[in-house]
Amino acid sequence: MKALLILVFCLFYFILSMQEDLFALKEINITSDKMEVFEDEGLAVFTGKVFAQSKEIKLWADKLYVYYVKGETKRNIQRVIALGRVKIERGKWRAVAGKATYFRDQEKLVLEEMPKVWHDDNLVEGDLVFVYFNEDRSEVFSREGGRVRVRFYEK
């Protein structure tokens, strides 16, 4: 049980550090095959082999939607959605999912579509992963009779 609590704490620390590094968006570099900007809607869409990097975080996806509000001197990010073969790495941590959504005003990250999070060989997976940064908590859910799964290796 103690090992499971350590793993859950480590999962939370990883996702919290993602919010500080990637979603704070002080500087983020994005490359893709195509970019479209819809100023009237406050949306930038990156398509095809998307790669985003900020400090220690790296993110890959097929598509990345960045929703923003135009300020006087800059654009303020409101929501970020990564779709298709989403992969996130930070040091010994990595996560994969079909979809990752960050809601900046709620300080909430949602990983969907078969999310899995690893630290070294340790694994947590379920159907949904919710991280509430402003509440210092996270949840892993299963749907329709599924189960949350944890694989932990003691050293």
C-alpha atoms as a PDB file:
ATOM      1  CA  MET A   1       0.000   0.000   0.000  1.00  0.00           C
ATOM      2  CA  LYS A   2       2.864   2.371   0.821  1.00  0.00           C
ATOM      3  CA  ALA A   3       4.405   1.698  -2.603  1.00  0.00           C
ATOM      4  CA  LEU A   4       1.079   2.529  -4.291  1.00  0.00           C
ATOM      5  CA  LEU A   5       0.839   5.835  -2.410  1.00  0.00           C
ATOM      6  CA  ILE A   6       4.381   6.709  -3.492  1.00  0.00           C
ATOM      7  CA  LEU A   7       3.494   5.941  -7.122  1.00  0.00           C
ATOM      8  CA  VAL A   8       0.326   8.060  -6.980  1.00  0.00           C
ATOM      9  CA  PHE A   9       2.302  10.928  -5.408  1.00  0.00           C
ATOM     10  CA  CYS A  10       4.927  10.632  -8.149  1.00  0.00           C
ATOM     11  CA  LEU A  11       2.184  10.678 -10.819  1.00  0.00           C
ATOM     12  CA  PHE A  12       0.756  13.846  -9.319  1.00  0.00           C
ATOM     13  CA  TYR A  13       4.221  15.476  -9.116  1.00  0.00           C
ATOM     14  CA  PHE A  14       4.870  14.684 -12.791  1.00  0.00           C
ATOM     15  CA  ILE A  15       1.600  16.156 -13.962  1.00  0.00           C
ATOM     16  CA  LEU A  16       2.004  19.212 -11.719  1.00  0.00           C
ATOM     17  CA  SER A  17       5.457  19.819 -13.168  1.00  0.00           C
ATOM     18  CA  MET A  18       3.943  19.551 -16.673  1.00  0.00           C
ATOM     19  CA  GLN A  19       1.586  22.376 -15.816  1.00  0.00           C
ATOM     20  CA  GLU A  20       4.430  24.558 -14.576  1.00  0.00           C
ATOM     21  CA  ASP A  21       6.685  23.853 -17.565  1.00  0.00           C
ATOM     22  CA  LEU A  22       4.493  23.356 -20.620  1.00  0.00           C
ATOM     23  CA  PHE A  23       1.194  25.007 -19.862  1.00  0.00           C
ATOM     24  CA  ALA A  24       2.592  28.116 -18.189  1.00  0.00           C
ATOM     25  CA  LEU A  25       3.600  28.917 -21.761  1.00  0.00           C
ATOM     26  CA  LYS A  26       6.183  31.580 -20.974  1.00  0.00           C
ATOM     27  CA  GLU A  27       8.037  30.266 -23.989  1.00  0.00           C
ATOM     28  CA  ILE A  28       6.965  27.323 -26.071  1.00  0.00           C
ATOM     29  CA  ASN A  29       8.377  26.174 -29.378  1.00  0.00           C
ATOM     30  CA  ILE A  30       5.986  24.364 -31.731  1.00  0.00           C
ATOM     31  CA  THR A  31       6.746  22.698 -35.051  1.00  0.00           C
ATOM     32  CA  SER A  32       4.230  21.035 -37.349  1.00  0.00           C
ATOM     33  CA  ASP A  33       3.493  20.363 -41.008  1.00  0.00           C
ATOM     34  CA  LYS A  34       0.821  23.070 -41.087  1.00  0.00           C
ATOM     35  CA  MET A  35      -0.448  25.952 -38.962  1.00  0.00           C
ATOM     36  CA  GLU A  36      -3.734  27.819 -39.324  1.00  0.00           C
ATOM     37  CA  VAL A  37      -4.676  30.879 -37.271  1.00  0.00           C
ATOM     38  CA  PHE A  38      -8.286  31.977 -36.888  1.00  0.00           C
ATOM     39  CA  GLU A  39      -7.928  35.407 -35.229  1.00  0.00           C
ATOM     40  CA  ASP A  40     -11.670  36.049 -34.972  1.00  0.00           C
ATOM     41  CA  GLU A  41     -12.119  32.794 -33.046  1.00  0.00           C
ATOM     42  CA  GLY A  42      -8.900  33.094 -31.022  1.00  0.00           C
ATOM     43  CA  LEU A  43      -7.603  29.756 -32.283  1.00  0.00           C
ATOM     44  CA  ALA A  44      -4.333  28.437 -33.658  1.00  0.00           C
ATOM     45  CA  VAL A  45      -4.366  24.900 -35.096  1.00  0.00           C
ATOM     46  CA  PHE A  46      -1.160  22.937 -35.653  1.00  0.00           C
ATOM     47  CA  THR A  47      -1.517  19.826 -37.828  1.00  0.00           C
ATOM     48  CA  GLY A  48       0.801  16.980 -38.779  1.00  0.00           C
ATOM     49  CA  LYS A  49       3.715  15.691 -36.724  1.00  0.00           C
ATOM     50  CA  VAL A  50       3.223  18.331 -34.034  1.00  0.00           C
ATOM     51  CA  PHE A  51       6.084  18.776 -31.597  1.00  0.00           C
ATOM     52  CA  ALA A  52       5.915  21.267 -28.718  1.00  0.00           C
ATOM     53  CA  GLN A  53       8.697  21.908 -26.240  1.00  0.00           C
ATOM     54  CA  SER A  54       9.039  24.156 -23.230  1.00  0.00           C
ATOM     55  CA  LYS A  55      11.899  23.870 -20.739  1.00  0.00           C
ATOM     56  CA  GLU A  56      11.955  20.195 -19.756  1.00  0.00           C
ATOM     57  CA  ILE A  57       8.630  19.092 -21.273  1.00  0.00           C
ATOM     58  CA  LYS A  58       8.200  17.614 -24.737  1.00  0.00           C
ATOM     59  CA  LEU A  59       4.829  16.928 -26.355  1.00  0.00           C
ATOM     60  CA  TRP A  60       4.019  15.109 -29.599  1.00  0.00           C
ATOM     61  CA  ALA A  61       0.577  14.869 -31.219  1.00  0.00           C
ATOM     62  CA  ASP A  62      -1.145  14.686 -34.585  1.00  0.00           C
ATOM     63  CA  LYS A  63      -3.006  17.961 -33.908  1.00  0.00           C
ATOM     64  CA  LEU A  64      -2.726  20.763 -31.393  1.00  0.00           C
ATOM     65  CA  TYR A  65      -5.448  23.368 -30.812  1.00  0.00           C
ATOM     66  CA  VAL A  66      -4.449  26.480 -28.880  1.00  0.00           C
ATOM     67  CA  TYR A  67      -7.371  28.701 -27.827  1.00  0.00           C
ATOM     68  CA  TYR A  68      -6.478  32.227 -26.743  1.00  0.00           C
ATOM     69  CA  VAL A  69      -7.827  35.670 -25.943  1.00  0.00           C
ATOM     70  CA  LYS A  70      -6.090  38.673 -27.483  1.00  0.00           C
ATOM     71  CA  GLY A  71      -4.685  41.064 -24.906  1.00  0.00           C
ATOM     72  CA  GLU A  72      -3.134  44.477 -25.466  1.00  0.00           C
ATOM     73  CA  THR A  73       0.415  43.188 -25.843  1.00  0.00           C
ATOM     74  CA  LYS A  74       0.069  39.404 -26.128  1.00  0.00           C
ATOM     75  CA  ARG A  75      -2.291  36.479 -26.514  1.00  0.00           C
ATOM     76  CA  ASN A  76      -3.430  34.775 -23.307  1.00  0.00           C
ATOM     77  CA  ILE A  77      -3.793  31.014 -23.625  1.00  0.00           C
ATOM     78  CA  GLN A  78      -7.167  29.751 -22.343  1.00  0.00           C
ATOM     79  CA  ARG A  79      -7.234  26.100 -23.417  1.00  0.00           C
ATOM     80  CA  VAL A  80      -4.906  23.661 -25.156  1.00  0.00           C
ATOM     81  CA  ILE A  81      -6.079  20.412 -26.768  1.00  0.00           C
ATOM     82  CA  ALA A  82      -3.682  17.793 -28.131  1.00  0.00           C
ATOM     83  CA  LEU A  83      -5.220  15.056 -30.306  1.00  0.00           C
ATOM     84  CA  GLY A  84      -4.008  11.823 -31.828  1.00  0.00           C
ATOM     85  CA  ARG A  85      -1.071   9.798 -30.535  1.00  0.00           C
ATOM     86  CA  VAL A  86      -0.380  12.270 -27.732  1.00  0.00           C
ATOM     87  CA  LYS A  87       2.927  11.645 -25.996  1.00  0.00           C
ATOM     88  CA  ILE A  88       4.380  13.740 -23.168  1.00  0.00           C
ATOM     89  CA  GLU A  89       7.881  13.314 -21.690  1.00  0.00           C
ATOM     90  CA  ARG A  90       9.731  14.864 -18.769  1.00  0.00           C
ATOM     91  CA  GLY A  91      12.859  13.196 -17.468  1.00  0.00           C
ATOM     92  CA  LYS A  92      11.967   9.677 -16.296  1.00  0.00           C
ATOM     93  CA  TRP A  93       8.252  10.404 -16.758  1.00  0.00           C
ATOM     94  CA  ARG A  94       6.167   9.809 -19.848  1.00  0.00           C
ATOM     95  CA  ALA A  95       2.468   9.756 -20.642  1.00  0.00           C
ATOM     96  CA  VAL A  96       0.467   8.695 -23.678  1.00  0.00           C
ATOM     97  CA  ALA A  97      -3.176   9.266 -24.537  1.00  0.00           C
ATOM     98  CA  GLY A  98      -5.435   9.823 -27.502  1.00  0.00           C
ATOM     99  CA  LYS A  99      -6.384  13.248 -26.175  1.00  0.00           C
ATOM    100  CA  ALA A 100      -5.022  15.708 -23.620  1.00  0.00           C
ATOM    101  CA  THR A 101      -6.884  18.900 -22.680  1.00  0.00           C
ATOM    102  CA  TYR A 102      -5.650  21.656 -20.394  1.00  0.00           C
ATOM    103  CA  PHE A 103      -8.134  24.240 -19.047  1.00  0.00           C
ATOM    104  CA  ARG A 104      -6.047  27.156 -17.842  1.00  0.00           C
ATOM    105  CA  ASP A 105      -8.786  29.027 -15.925  1.00  0.00           C
ATOM    106  CA  GLN A 106      -9.658  25.877 -13.957  1.00  0.00           C
ATOM    107  CA  GLU A 107      -6.037  24.696 -13.760  1.00  0.00           C
ATOM    108  CA  LYS A 108      -7.253  21.270 -14.871  1.00  0.00           C
ATOM    109  CA  LEU A 109      -5.653  18.678 -17.147  1.00  0.00           C
ATOM    110  CA  VAL A 110      -7.689  15.821 -18.620  1.00  0.00           C
ATOM    111  CA  LEU A 111      -6.059  12.805 -20.286  1.00  0.00           C
ATOM    112  CA  GLU A 112      -8.482  10.640 -22.295  1.00  0.00           C
ATOM    113  CA  GLU A 113      -8.590   7.766 -24.767  1.00  0.00           C
ATOM    114  CA  MET A 114      -6.492   5.083 -23.104  1.00  0.00           C
ATOM    115  CA  PRO A 115      -4.198   7.307 -20.991  1.00  0.00           C
ATOM    116  CA  LYS A 116      -1.115   5.719 -19.452  1.00  0.00           C
ATOM    117  CA  VAL A 117       1.479   7.373 -17.236  1.00  0.00           C
ATOM    118  CA  TRP A 118       4.891   5.837 -16.471  1.00  0.00           C
ATOM    119  CA  HIS A 119       7.736   6.641 -14.101  1.00  0.00           C
ATOM    120  CA  ASP A 120      10.603   4.324 -15.017  1.00  0.00           C
ATOM    121  CA  ASP A 121       8.793   0.964 -15.327  1.00  0.00           C
ATOM    122  CA  ASN A 122       5.928   1.868 -12.966  1.00  0.00           C
ATOM    123  CA  LEU A 123       2.580   2.389 -14.691  1.00  0.00           C
ATOM    124  CA  VAL A 124      -0.826   3.915 -13.873  1.00  0.00           C
ATOM    125  CA  GLU A 125      -3.653   3.593 -16.400  1.00  0.00           C
ATOM    126  CA  GLY A 126      -7.403   3.959 -16.619  1.00  0.00           C
ATOM    127  CA  ASP A 127      -9.967   5.472 -18.955  1.00  0.00           C
ATOM    128  CA  LEU A 128      -9.646   9.072 -17.702  1.00  0.00           C
ATOM    129  CA  VAL A 129      -7.010  10.953 -15.736  1.00  0.00           C
ATOM    130  CA  PHE A 130      -8.044  14.267 -14.158  1.00  0.00           C
ATOM    131  CA  VAL A 131      -5.513  16.566 -12.524  1.00  0.00           C
ATOM    132  CA  TYR A 132      -6.723  19.552 -10.485  1.00  0.00           C
ATOM    133  CA  PHE A 133      -3.638  21.721 -10.032  1.00  0.00           C
ATOM    134  CA  ASN A 134      -5.301  24.332  -7.815  1.00  0.00           C
ATOM    135  CA  GLU A 135      -6.557  21.597  -5.458  1.00  0.00           C
ATOM    136  CA  ASP A 136      -3.328  19.540  -5.363  1.00  0.00           C
ATOM    137  CA  ARG A 137      -5.135  16.359  -6.334  1.00  0.00           C
ATOM    138  CA  SER A 138      -5.572  13.952  -9.218  1.00  0.00           C
ATOM    139  CA  GLU A 139      -7.984  11.141 -10.051  1.00  0.00           C
ATOM    140  CA  VAL A 140      -7.839   8.104 -12.323  1.00  0.00           C
ATOM    141  CA  PHE A 141     -11.183   6.670 -13.465  1.00  0.00           C
ATOM    142  CA  SER A 142     -12.452   3.668 -15.346  1.00  0.00           C
ATOM    143  CA  ARG A 143     -15.700   3.504 -17.292  1.00  0.00           C
ATOM    144  CA  GLU A 144     -18.358   0.869 -17.838  1.00  0.00           C
ATOM    145  CA  GLY A 145     -17.033  -1.858 -15.606  1.00  0.00           C
ATOM    146  CA  GLY A 146     -13.403  -1.188 -16.429  1.00  0.00           C
ATOM    147  CA  ARG A 147     -10.722  -0.972 -13.789  1.00  0.00           C
ATOM    148  CA  VAL A 148      -7.923   1.404 -12.846  1.00  0.00           C
ATOM    149  CA  ARG A 149      -4.636  -0.420 -13.200  1.00  0.00           C
ATOM    150  CA  VAL A 150      -1.297   0.101 -11.435  1.00  0.00           C
ATOM    151  CA  ARG A 151       1.947  -1.778 -12.021  1.00  0.00           C
ATOM    152  CA  PHE A 152       4.620  -1.013  -9.462  1.00  0.00           C
ATOM    153  CA  TYR A 153       8.127  -2.392  -9.127  1.00  0.00           C
ATOM    154  CA  GLU A 154       9.902  -2.181  -5.780  1.00  0.00           C
ATOM    155  CA  LYS A 155      13.628  -1.682  -5.928  1.00  0.00           C
END
